[in-house]
Amino acid sequence: MAVIISDTGPLLALAGVEQLVILKTLFKTVLVPNAVYQECLAKRDRAAVLIEQAIDQGWLKVEVVTSTEDFPLCLGAGEQEAMQLAINYEQALLIMDDRLARREAMQRQLNFVGTVRVLWLAQQQGLLSNAVQVIDAMAANGYYISKKLLDELT
């Protein structure tokens, strides 16, 4: 089974609409590099509290990345460390939404999915009745992901 690694955006988006538990249910354990953890806690809000609770529960695990390869400067520390973790594990699946980060992951031949794919999987497994409603709630929270992507999956 693949090691699941999340970038900051998907964690904050899911926690922001009280759906972080989807990751636990789908994947059992999710790794986050320390930079992602720090980015998630930068704003002390309900999402940060839920992410801390997931870490306390043990299914969301913070992993220290000691060094990163030469990544483009346009990528944030969380994105760089998440990709480095994926490189460090033989079988890894990144959860990331940032277009530039996904492009870099593709060039490095890393496996990744976005939040839309995670929501689609959750809907397919009966964890959600309507993924579009969750996407709408995320948008209302300030996190934009395209409903068009969900349409392409169905």
N, C-alpha and C. Protein backbone atom coordinates (compact mmCIF):
# COMPACT_ATOMS: atom_id res chain seq x y z
N MET A 1 0.84 -1.19 0.00
CA MET A 1 0.00 0.00 0.00
C MET A 1 0.88 1.25 0.00
N ALA A 2 0.44 2.26 -0.68
CA ALA A 2 1.19 3.51 -0.79
C ALA A 2 1.16 4.30 0.50
N VAL A 3 2.23 5.04 0.72
CA VAL A 3 2.29 6.00 1.81
C VAL A 3 1.57 7.26 1.33
N ILE A 4 0.63 7.76 2.11
CA ILE A 4 -0.14 8.94 1.74
C ILE A 4 0.49 10.16 2.40
N ILE A 5 0.75 11.19 1.58
CA ILE A 5 1.38 12.42 2.05
C ILE A 5 0.52 13.59 1.60
N SER A 6 0.22 14.50 2.51
CA SER A 6 -0.62 15.64 2.15
C SER A 6 0.14 16.95 2.21
N ASP A 7 -0.21 17.82 1.27
CA ASP A 7 0.24 19.20 1.27
C ASP A 7 -0.73 20.00 2.15
N THR A 8 -0.41 21.25 2.38
CA THR A 8 -1.17 22.11 3.28
C THR A 8 -2.60 22.37 2.81
N GLY A 9 -2.76 22.76 1.55
CA GLY A 9 -4.06 23.17 1.04
C GLY A 9 -5.17 22.16 1.27
N PRO A 10 -4.98 20.91 0.85
CA PRO A 10 -6.05 19.93 1.08
C PRO A 10 -6.40 19.73 2.55
N LEU A 11 -5.40 19.74 3.42
CA LEU A 11 -5.67 19.59 4.85
C LEU A 11 -6.53 20.72 5.38
N LEU A 12 -6.12 21.96 5.05
CA LEU A 12 -6.87 23.13 5.52
C LEU A 12 -8.28 23.17 4.92
N ALA A 13 -8.37 22.81 3.64
CA ALA A 13 -9.68 22.83 2.97
C ALA A 13 -10.64 21.83 3.61
N LEU A 14 -10.16 20.61 3.82
CA LEU A 14 -11.02 19.58 4.42
C LEU A 14 -11.35 19.90 5.87
N ALA A 15 -10.36 20.34 6.62
CA ALA A 15 -10.60 20.70 8.02
C ALA A 15 -11.53 21.90 8.12
N GLY A 16 -11.41 22.82 7.18
CA GLY A 16 -12.24 24.02 7.19
C GLY A 16 -13.72 23.76 7.02
N VAL A 17 -14.06 22.61 6.44
CA VAL A 17 -15.47 22.23 6.29
C VAL A 17 -15.80 20.97 7.11
N GLU A 18 -14.95 20.74 8.13
CA GLU A 18 -15.17 19.63 9.07
C GLU A 18 -15.22 18.26 8.38
N GLN A 19 -14.37 18.08 7.36
CA GLN A 19 -14.34 16.81 6.63
C GLN A 19 -12.96 16.15 6.65
N LEU A 20 -12.11 16.55 7.58
CA LEU A 20 -10.76 16.00 7.67
C LEU A 20 -10.79 14.48 7.89
N VAL A 21 -11.80 14.02 8.58
CA VAL A 21 -11.93 12.59 8.89
C VAL A 21 -12.00 11.73 7.63
N ILE A 22 -12.36 12.32 6.51
CA ILE A 22 -12.37 11.57 5.24
C ILE A 22 -11.01 10.96 4.97
N LEU A 23 -9.95 11.72 5.24
CA LEU A 23 -8.59 11.20 5.01
C LEU A 23 -8.31 10.00 5.90
N LYS A 24 -8.71 10.08 7.15
CA LYS A 24 -8.51 8.97 8.08
C LYS A 24 -9.26 7.73 7.61
N THR A 25 -10.50 7.93 7.19
CA THR A 25 -11.33 6.80 6.79
C THR A 25 -10.82 6.16 5.50
N LEU A 26 -10.41 6.98 4.55
CA LEU A 26 -9.93 6.45 3.27
C LEU A 26 -8.54 5.83 3.37
N PHE A 27 -7.65 6.47 4.14
CA PHE A 27 -6.23 6.10 4.07
C PHE A 27 -5.63 5.59 5.38
N LYS A 28 -6.36 5.65 6.48
CA LYS A 28 -5.91 5.21 7.81
C LYS A 28 -4.81 6.11 8.39
N THR A 29 -3.73 6.34 7.65
CA THR A 29 -2.62 7.16 8.12
C THR A 29 -2.20 8.11 7.00
N VAL A 30 -1.95 9.36 7.36
CA VAL A 30 -1.48 10.36 6.40
C VAL A 30 -0.27 11.05 7.00
N LEU A 31 0.79 11.14 6.21
CA LEU A 31 1.99 11.84 6.64
C LEU A 31 1.96 13.29 6.18
N VAL A 32 2.48 14.17 7.02
CA VAL A 32 2.67 15.57 6.62
C VAL A 32 4.08 15.96 7.03
N PRO A 33 4.80 16.62 6.14
CA PRO A 33 6.12 17.11 6.54
C PRO A 33 5.97 18.25 7.53
N ASN A 34 7.02 18.52 8.28
CA ASN A 34 6.98 19.54 9.31
C ASN A 34 6.57 20.90 8.74
N ALA A 35 7.04 21.25 7.54
CA ALA A 35 6.69 22.55 6.94
C ALA A 35 5.19 22.66 6.71
N VAL A 36 4.54 21.58 6.30
CA VAL A 36 3.09 21.57 6.11
C VAL A 36 2.40 21.76 7.47
N TYR A 37 2.89 21.06 8.46
CA TYR A 37 2.33 21.20 9.81
C TYR A 37 2.41 22.66 10.28
N GLN A 38 3.56 23.28 10.09
CA GLN A 38 3.73 24.68 10.50
C GLN A 38 2.80 25.61 9.72
N GLU A 39 2.64 25.36 8.42
CA GLU A 39 1.73 26.18 7.61
C GLU A 39 0.28 26.02 8.07
N CYS A 40 -0.08 24.81 8.44
CA CYS A 40 -1.46 24.56 8.91
C CYS A 40 -1.76 25.28 10.21
N LEU A 41 -0.76 25.43 11.05
CA LEU A 41 -0.98 26.05 12.35
C LEU A 41 -0.72 27.55 12.35
N ALA A 42 -0.32 28.10 11.22
CA ALA A 42 0.01 29.53 11.14
C ALA A 42 -1.19 30.40 11.53
N LYS A 43 -2.36 29.98 11.15
CA LYS A 43 -3.58 30.71 11.49
C LYS A 43 -4.32 29.88 12.53
N ARG A 44 -4.45 30.38 13.72
CA ARG A 44 -5.08 29.65 14.80
C ARG A 44 -6.60 29.72 14.66
N ASP A 45 -7.13 28.79 13.87
CA ASP A 45 -8.57 28.74 13.66
C ASP A 45 -9.06 27.32 13.88
N ARG A 46 -10.33 27.10 13.60
CA ARG A 46 -10.93 25.77 13.82
C ARG A 46 -10.22 24.70 13.00
N ALA A 47 -9.82 25.01 11.78
CA ALA A 47 -9.11 24.04 10.94
C ALA A 47 -7.81 23.61 11.61
N ALA A 48 -7.06 24.57 12.15
CA ALA A 48 -5.80 24.25 12.82
C ALA A 48 -6.05 23.35 14.04
N VAL A 49 -7.11 23.63 14.77
CA VAL A 49 -7.45 22.81 15.94
C VAL A 49 -7.76 21.38 15.50
N LEU A 50 -8.53 21.21 14.44
CA LEU A 50 -8.87 19.87 13.95
C LEU A 50 -7.64 19.12 13.46
N ILE A 51 -6.73 19.83 12.84
CA ILE A 51 -5.49 19.20 12.36
C ILE A 51 -4.64 18.77 13.56
N GLU A 52 -4.55 19.62 14.58
CA GLU A 52 -3.82 19.23 15.79
C GLU A 52 -4.46 18.02 16.47
N GLN A 53 -5.78 17.97 16.50
CA GLN A 53 -6.47 16.82 17.08
C GLN A 53 -6.14 15.55 16.31
N ALA A 54 -6.10 15.63 14.98
CA ALA A 54 -5.76 14.47 14.16
C ALA A 54 -4.34 13.99 14.46
N ILE A 55 -3.45 14.92 14.69
CA ILE A 55 -2.07 14.56 15.05
C ILE A 55 -2.05 13.90 16.43
N ASP A 56 -2.80 14.46 17.36
CA ASP A 56 -2.89 13.87 18.71
C ASP A 56 -3.49 12.47 18.66
N GLN A 57 -4.44 12.24 17.75
CA GLN A 57 -5.07 10.92 17.60
C GLN A 57 -4.12 9.92 16.95
N GLY A 58 -3.09 10.41 16.28
CA GLY A 58 -2.07 9.53 15.72
C GLY A 58 -2.23 9.12 14.28
N TRP A 59 -3.33 9.49 13.65
CA TRP A 59 -3.49 9.07 12.25
C TRP A 59 -2.88 10.08 11.28
N LEU A 60 -2.73 11.32 11.70
CA LEU A 60 -2.02 12.33 10.93
C LEU A 60 -0.65 12.47 11.60
N LYS A 61 0.39 12.13 10.85
CA LYS A 61 1.73 12.04 11.44
C LYS A 61 2.66 13.07 10.81
N VAL A 62 3.34 13.83 11.67
CA VAL A 62 4.31 14.82 11.21
C VAL A 62 5.66 14.13 11.06
N GLU A 63 6.28 14.37 9.92
CA GLU A 63 7.59 13.79 9.66
C GLU A 63 8.56 14.91 9.29
N VAL A 64 9.73 14.86 9.89
CA VAL A 64 10.75 15.88 9.63
C VAL A 64 11.49 15.52 8.35
N VAL A 65 11.62 16.51 7.48
CA VAL A 65 12.40 16.36 6.25
C VAL A 65 13.68 17.15 6.47
N THR A 66 14.82 16.45 6.46
CA THR A 66 16.07 17.11 6.81
C THR A 66 16.66 17.94 5.68
N SER A 67 16.42 17.54 4.45
CA SER A 67 16.90 18.34 3.31
C SER A 67 16.01 18.07 2.12
N THR A 68 15.97 19.03 1.23
CA THR A 68 15.17 18.86 0.01
C THR A 68 16.07 19.00 -1.21
N GLU A 69 15.64 18.36 -2.27
CA GLU A 69 16.33 18.49 -3.54
C GLU A 69 16.15 19.91 -4.05
N ASP A 70 16.68 20.18 -5.19
CA ASP A 70 16.61 21.51 -5.78
C ASP A 70 15.23 21.69 -6.43
N PHE A 71 14.31 22.32 -5.72
CA PHE A 71 12.97 22.57 -6.23
C PHE A 71 12.87 24.02 -6.71
N PRO A 72 11.96 24.30 -7.63
CA PRO A 72 11.78 25.69 -8.08
C PRO A 72 11.42 26.61 -6.92
N LEU A 73 11.92 27.81 -6.96
CA LEU A 73 11.69 28.79 -5.90
C LEU A 73 10.23 29.19 -5.78
N CYS A 74 9.45 28.98 -6.83
CA CYS A 74 8.03 29.36 -6.79
C CYS A 74 7.21 28.44 -5.89
N LEU A 75 7.78 27.31 -5.49
CA LEU A 75 7.08 26.38 -4.61
C LEU A 75 7.34 26.72 -3.16
N GLY A 76 6.31 26.60 -2.34
CA GLY A 76 6.44 26.87 -0.92
C GLY A 76 7.17 25.74 -0.21
N ALA A 77 7.57 26.01 1.03
CA ALA A 77 8.31 25.03 1.82
C ALA A 77 7.48 23.75 2.02
N GLY A 78 6.17 23.89 2.25
CA GLY A 78 5.32 22.72 2.43
C GLY A 78 5.26 21.85 1.19
N GLU A 79 5.12 22.48 0.05
CA GLU A 79 5.07 21.73 -1.21
C GLU A 79 6.39 21.02 -1.47
N GLN A 80 7.49 21.73 -1.22
CA GLN A 80 8.81 21.13 -1.43
C GLN A 80 9.02 19.92 -0.52
N GLU A 81 8.69 20.10 0.76
CA GLU A 81 8.89 18.99 1.70
C GLU A 81 7.94 17.83 1.43
N ALA A 82 6.72 18.12 1.01
CA ALA A 82 5.78 17.04 0.68
C ALA A 82 6.32 16.22 -0.50
N MET A 83 6.83 16.92 -1.51
CA MET A 83 7.40 16.19 -2.66
C MET A 83 8.65 15.43 -2.25
N GLN A 84 9.47 16.02 -1.39
CA GLN A 84 10.67 15.31 -0.93
C GLN A 84 10.31 14.05 -0.17
N LEU A 85 9.29 14.12 0.66
CA LEU A 85 8.82 12.90 1.35
C LEU A 85 8.40 11.85 0.35
N ALA A 86 7.68 12.28 -0.69
CA ALA A 86 7.23 11.33 -1.72
C ALA A 86 8.42 10.70 -2.43
N ILE A 87 9.45 11.48 -2.64
CA ILE A 87 10.66 10.95 -3.28
C ILE A 87 11.34 9.94 -2.34
N ASN A 88 11.31 10.23 -1.04
CA ASN A 88 11.98 9.37 -0.06
C ASN A 88 11.31 8.01 0.10
N TYR A 89 10.00 7.92 -0.18
CA TYR A 89 9.28 6.66 -0.05
C TYR A 89 9.13 6.01 -1.43
N GLU A 90 9.31 4.70 -1.45
CA GLU A 90 9.24 3.98 -2.74
C GLU A 90 7.84 4.08 -3.35
N GLN A 91 6.82 3.91 -2.54
CA GLN A 91 5.45 4.03 -3.01
C GLN A 91 4.76 5.12 -2.21
N ALA A 92 4.53 6.24 -2.87
CA ALA A 92 3.89 7.36 -2.18
C ALA A 92 2.81 7.96 -3.07
N LEU A 93 1.81 8.50 -2.42
CA LEU A 93 0.75 9.22 -3.11
C LEU A 93 0.60 10.57 -2.43
N LEU A 94 0.84 11.62 -3.20
CA LEU A 94 0.71 12.99 -2.70
C LEU A 94 -0.72 13.47 -2.89
N ILE A 95 -1.21 14.22 -1.92
CA ILE A 95 -2.48 14.91 -2.07
C ILE A 95 -2.12 16.39 -2.15
N MET A 96 -2.32 16.98 -3.32
CA MET A 96 -1.96 18.39 -3.52
C MET A 96 -2.83 18.99 -4.61
N ASP A 97 -3.11 20.28 -4.45
CA ASP A 97 -3.97 20.98 -5.40
C ASP A 97 -3.26 22.06 -6.19
N ASP A 98 -2.19 22.61 -5.68
CA ASP A 98 -1.51 23.71 -6.35
C ASP A 98 -1.03 23.30 -7.74
N ARG A 99 -1.40 24.08 -8.73
CA ARG A 99 -1.10 23.74 -10.13
C ARG A 99 0.41 23.63 -10.39
N LEU A 100 1.19 24.60 -9.91
CA LEU A 100 2.64 24.55 -10.14
C LEU A 100 3.28 23.37 -9.43
N ALA A 101 2.82 23.08 -8.22
CA ALA A 101 3.35 21.93 -7.50
C ALA A 101 3.00 20.63 -8.21
N ARG A 102 1.81 20.54 -8.73
CA ARG A 102 1.41 19.33 -9.45
C ARG A 102 2.23 19.16 -10.73
N ARG A 103 2.52 20.27 -11.38
CA ARG A 103 3.35 20.22 -12.59
C ARG A 103 4.75 19.69 -12.24
N GLU A 104 5.30 20.18 -11.15
CA GLU A 104 6.62 19.72 -10.70
C GLU A 104 6.57 18.24 -10.31
N ALA A 105 5.52 17.84 -9.62
CA ALA A 105 5.38 16.43 -9.24
C ALA A 105 5.29 15.55 -10.47
N MET A 106 4.59 16.02 -11.49
CA MET A 106 4.48 15.26 -12.72
C MET A 106 5.85 15.11 -13.39
N GLN A 107 6.61 16.20 -13.43
CA GLN A 107 7.95 16.14 -14.03
C GLN A 107 8.85 15.18 -13.27
N ARG A 108 8.64 15.06 -11.99
CA ARG A 108 9.45 14.16 -11.17
C ARG A 108 8.85 12.76 -11.10
N GLN A 109 7.79 12.54 -11.85
CA GLN A 109 7.10 11.26 -11.93
C GLN A 109 6.61 10.77 -10.56
N LEU A 110 6.08 11.71 -9.78
CA LEU A 110 5.49 11.37 -8.49
C LEU A 110 3.99 11.17 -8.66
N ASN A 111 3.43 10.25 -7.93
CA ASN A 111 1.99 10.01 -7.97
C ASN A 111 1.28 11.03 -7.10
N PHE A 112 0.21 11.60 -7.61
CA PHE A 112 -0.54 12.58 -6.83
C PHE A 112 -2.00 12.57 -7.23
N VAL A 113 -2.81 13.04 -6.30
CA VAL A 113 -4.24 13.28 -6.54
C VAL A 113 -4.56 14.62 -5.90
N GLY A 114 -5.68 15.18 -6.29
CA GLY A 114 -6.14 16.42 -5.69
C GLY A 114 -7.28 16.17 -4.73
N THR A 115 -7.71 17.22 -4.09
CA THR A 115 -8.81 17.14 -3.14
C THR A 115 -10.09 16.65 -3.82
N VAL A 116 -10.29 17.04 -5.07
CA VAL A 116 -11.49 16.59 -5.80
C VAL A 116 -11.50 15.07 -5.92
N ARG A 117 -10.37 14.47 -6.23
CA ARG A 117 -10.30 13.00 -6.34
C ARG A 117 -10.59 12.36 -4.98
N VAL A 118 -10.07 12.94 -3.92
CA VAL A 118 -10.33 12.42 -2.57
C VAL A 118 -11.82 12.48 -2.27
N LEU A 119 -12.45 13.60 -2.58
CA LEU A 119 -13.89 13.74 -2.35
C LEU A 119 -14.69 12.76 -3.21
N TRP A 120 -14.26 12.56 -4.44
CA TRP A 120 -14.93 11.60 -5.32
C TRP A 120 -14.83 10.20 -4.73
N LEU A 121 -13.62 9.83 -4.26
CA LEU A 121 -13.46 8.51 -3.63
C LEU A 121 -14.35 8.38 -2.40
N ALA A 122 -14.42 9.44 -1.62
CA ALA A 122 -15.27 9.42 -0.43
C ALA A 122 -16.74 9.23 -0.81
N GLN A 123 -17.16 9.89 -1.87
CA GLN A 123 -18.55 9.74 -2.33
C GLN A 123 -18.78 8.32 -2.84
N GLN A 124 -17.83 7.78 -3.60
CA GLN A 124 -17.95 6.43 -4.13
C GLN A 124 -18.05 5.39 -3.01
N GLN A 125 -17.37 5.65 -1.89
CA GLN A 125 -17.38 4.71 -0.78
C GLN A 125 -18.50 5.00 0.23
N GLY A 126 -19.37 5.94 -0.10
CA GLY A 126 -20.51 6.23 0.75
C GLY A 126 -20.19 7.09 1.97
N LEU A 127 -19.02 7.72 1.98
CA LEU A 127 -18.66 8.58 3.10
C LEU A 127 -19.28 9.97 2.97
N LEU A 128 -19.62 10.34 1.74
CA LEU A 128 -20.28 11.61 1.42
C LEU A 128 -21.46 11.32 0.52
N SER A 129 -22.51 12.06 0.71
CA SER A 129 -23.64 11.88 -0.21
C SER A 129 -23.47 12.76 -1.44
N ASN A 130 -22.76 13.89 -1.30
CA ASN A 130 -22.64 14.82 -2.42
C ASN A 130 -21.33 15.59 -2.33
N ALA A 131 -20.35 15.20 -3.12
CA ALA A 131 -19.03 15.85 -3.11
C ALA A 131 -19.13 17.30 -3.57
N VAL A 132 -20.06 17.62 -4.46
CA VAL A 132 -20.21 19.00 -4.94
C VAL A 132 -20.57 19.93 -3.79
N GLN A 133 -21.39 19.47 -2.86
CA GLN A 133 -21.74 20.30 -1.71
C GLN A 133 -20.51 20.62 -0.87
N VAL A 134 -19.61 19.66 -0.74
CA VAL A 134 -18.38 19.89 0.02
C VAL A 134 -17.49 20.88 -0.73
N ILE A 135 -17.41 20.76 -2.04
CA ILE A 135 -16.64 21.70 -2.85
C ILE A 135 -17.22 23.11 -2.71
N ASP A 136 -18.55 23.20 -2.73
CA ASP A 136 -19.20 24.51 -2.54
C ASP A 136 -18.88 25.09 -1.16
N ALA A 137 -18.89 24.24 -0.14
CA ALA A 137 -18.57 24.70 1.21
C ALA A 137 -17.12 25.16 1.29
N MET A 138 -16.22 24.46 0.62
CA MET A 138 -14.82 24.87 0.59
C MET A 138 -14.68 26.24 -0.10
N ALA A 139 -15.41 26.41 -1.19
CA ALA A 139 -15.36 27.70 -1.91
C ALA A 139 -15.88 28.82 -1.01
N ALA A 140 -16.94 28.55 -0.27
CA ALA A 140 -17.48 29.56 0.65
C ALA A 140 -16.48 29.90 1.75
N ASN A 141 -15.58 28.94 2.02
CA ASN A 141 -14.52 29.13 3.02
C ASN A 141 -13.27 29.79 2.42
N GLY A 142 -13.31 30.04 1.11
CA GLY A 142 -12.17 30.69 0.46
C GLY A 142 -11.21 29.77 -0.25
N TYR A 143 -11.52 28.48 -0.33
CA TYR A 143 -10.65 27.52 -1.00
C TYR A 143 -11.33 27.09 -2.29
N TYR A 144 -10.75 27.44 -3.42
CA TYR A 144 -11.39 27.16 -4.69
C TYR A 144 -10.82 25.89 -5.33
N ILE A 145 -11.71 24.99 -5.66
CA ILE A 145 -11.37 23.88 -6.54
C ILE A 145 -12.52 23.74 -7.53
N SER A 146 -12.19 23.36 -8.71
CA SER A 146 -13.15 23.35 -9.80
C SER A 146 -14.11 22.16 -9.70
N LYS A 147 -15.40 22.47 -9.80
CA LYS A 147 -16.42 21.41 -9.89
C LYS A 147 -16.28 20.67 -11.21
N LYS A 148 -15.71 21.34 -12.19
CA LYS A 148 -15.49 20.73 -13.51
C LYS A 148 -14.62 19.47 -13.37
N LEU A 149 -13.64 19.52 -12.47
CA LEU A 149 -12.79 18.34 -12.24
C LEU A 149 -13.60 17.16 -11.75
N LEU A 150 -14.56 17.43 -10.87
CA LEU A 150 -15.42 16.36 -10.36
C LEU A 150 -16.28 15.80 -11.50
N ASP A 151 -16.78 16.68 -12.35
CA ASP A 151 -17.57 16.24 -13.51
C ASP A 151 -16.75 15.31 -14.40
N GLU A 152 -15.46 15.59 -14.55
CA GLU A 152 -14.59 14.77 -15.38
C GLU A 152 -14.40 13.38 -14.79
N LEU A 153 -14.51 13.25 -13.47
CA LEU A 153 -14.34 11.95 -12.83
C LEU A 153 -15.57 11.08 -12.95
N THR A 154 -16.73 11.72 -13.06
CA THR A 154 -17.97 10.93 -13.07
C THR A 154 -18.44 10.62 -14.47
